[in-house]
Protein backbone atom coordinates (compact mmCIF):
# COMPACT_ATOMS: atom_id res chain seq x y z
CA MET A 1 13.09 16.02 -17.39
CA ASP A 2 10.09 18.08 -16.41
CA GLU A 3 8.60 18.01 -12.94
CA LYS A 4 5.55 15.89 -13.88
CA LYS A 5 7.72 13.17 -15.44
CA LEU A 6 9.99 13.21 -12.41
CA PHE A 7 7.08 12.74 -10.00
CA ASP A 8 5.57 10.00 -12.19
CA SER A 9 8.90 8.19 -12.20
CA LEU A 10 9.27 8.53 -8.43
CA ASP A 11 5.72 7.22 -7.98
CA LYS A 12 6.53 4.13 -10.04
CA ILE A 13 9.75 3.52 -8.13
CA THR A 14 7.92 3.90 -4.81
CA LYS A 15 5.29 1.36 -5.83
CA LEU A 16 7.92 -1.12 -6.98
CA LEU A 17 9.81 -0.79 -3.70
CA ALA A 18 6.60 -1.22 -1.72
CA MET A 19 5.76 -4.36 -3.69
CA PHE A 20 9.20 -5.75 -2.91
CA ILE A 21 8.85 -4.97 0.81
CA VAL A 22 5.53 -6.80 1.21
CA LYS A 23 6.23 -9.66 -1.17
CA GLU A 24 5.13 -13.05 0.21
CA LYS A 25 3.47 -11.55 3.31
CA SER A 26 -0.15 -12.05 4.28
CA LEU A 27 -2.65 -9.40 3.22
CA LYS A 28 -3.01 -8.21 6.82
CA ASP A 29 0.76 -7.79 7.12
CA GLN A 30 0.90 -6.02 3.77
CA VAL A 31 -1.84 -3.60 4.79
CA LYS A 32 -0.25 -2.93 8.18
CA ILE A 33 3.21 -2.28 6.72
CA LEU A 34 2.00 -0.10 3.86
CA SER A 35 -0.41 1.82 6.11
CA ASP A 36 2.39 2.44 8.59
CA LEU A 37 4.39 3.87 5.69
CA GLY A 38 1.57 6.37 5.12
CA LEU A 39 -0.04 4.92 2.01
CA LYS A 40 -3.77 5.39 1.43
CA PRO A 41 -6.10 2.41 0.88
CA SER A 42 -6.34 3.21 -2.83
CA GLU A 43 -2.54 3.19 -3.13
CA ILE A 44 -2.28 -0.07 -1.18
CA ALA A 45 -4.93 -1.57 -3.45
CA VAL A 46 -2.81 -0.85 -6.53
CA ILE A 47 0.27 -2.40 -4.94
CA THR A 48 -1.49 -5.52 -3.65
CA GLY A 49 -3.85 -6.03 -6.58
CA LYS A 50 -6.86 -5.95 -4.24
CA THR A 51 -9.77 -3.53 -4.08
CA ALA A 52 -9.59 -0.36 -2.02
CA ASN A 53 -12.72 -1.54 -0.16
CA LEU A 54 -11.00 -4.79 0.87
CA ILE A 55 -8.01 -2.77 2.08
CA ARG A 56 -10.30 -0.53 4.18
CA VAL A 57 -12.03 -3.58 5.69
CA THR A 58 -8.66 -5.15 6.47
CA LYS A 59 -7.43 -1.91 8.10
CA THR A 60 -10.58 -1.82 10.22
CA SER A 61 -10.11 -5.41 11.35
CA LEU A 62 -6.52 -4.62 12.29
CA LYS A 63 -7.66 -1.63 14.37
CA ASN A 64 -10.35 -3.70 16.10
CA LYS A 65 -7.87 -6.48 16.86
CA ASN A 66 -5.31 -4.05 18.32
CA GLY A 67 -7.81 -1.71 19.99
């Protein structure tokens, strides 16, 4: 298996695991958990099925609530 295929496979596995972790949680909880794991808004959007813009807005509201 070449390096590109390996990284693509690992990326898919990571996304599946992330989906499992946040399953049945609110969007705010999903965003908080996935952000804490180091995922970017665009990556969180793919996992949650939401737009990257909505993820950014949600992250901002979480910061304002905790700040």
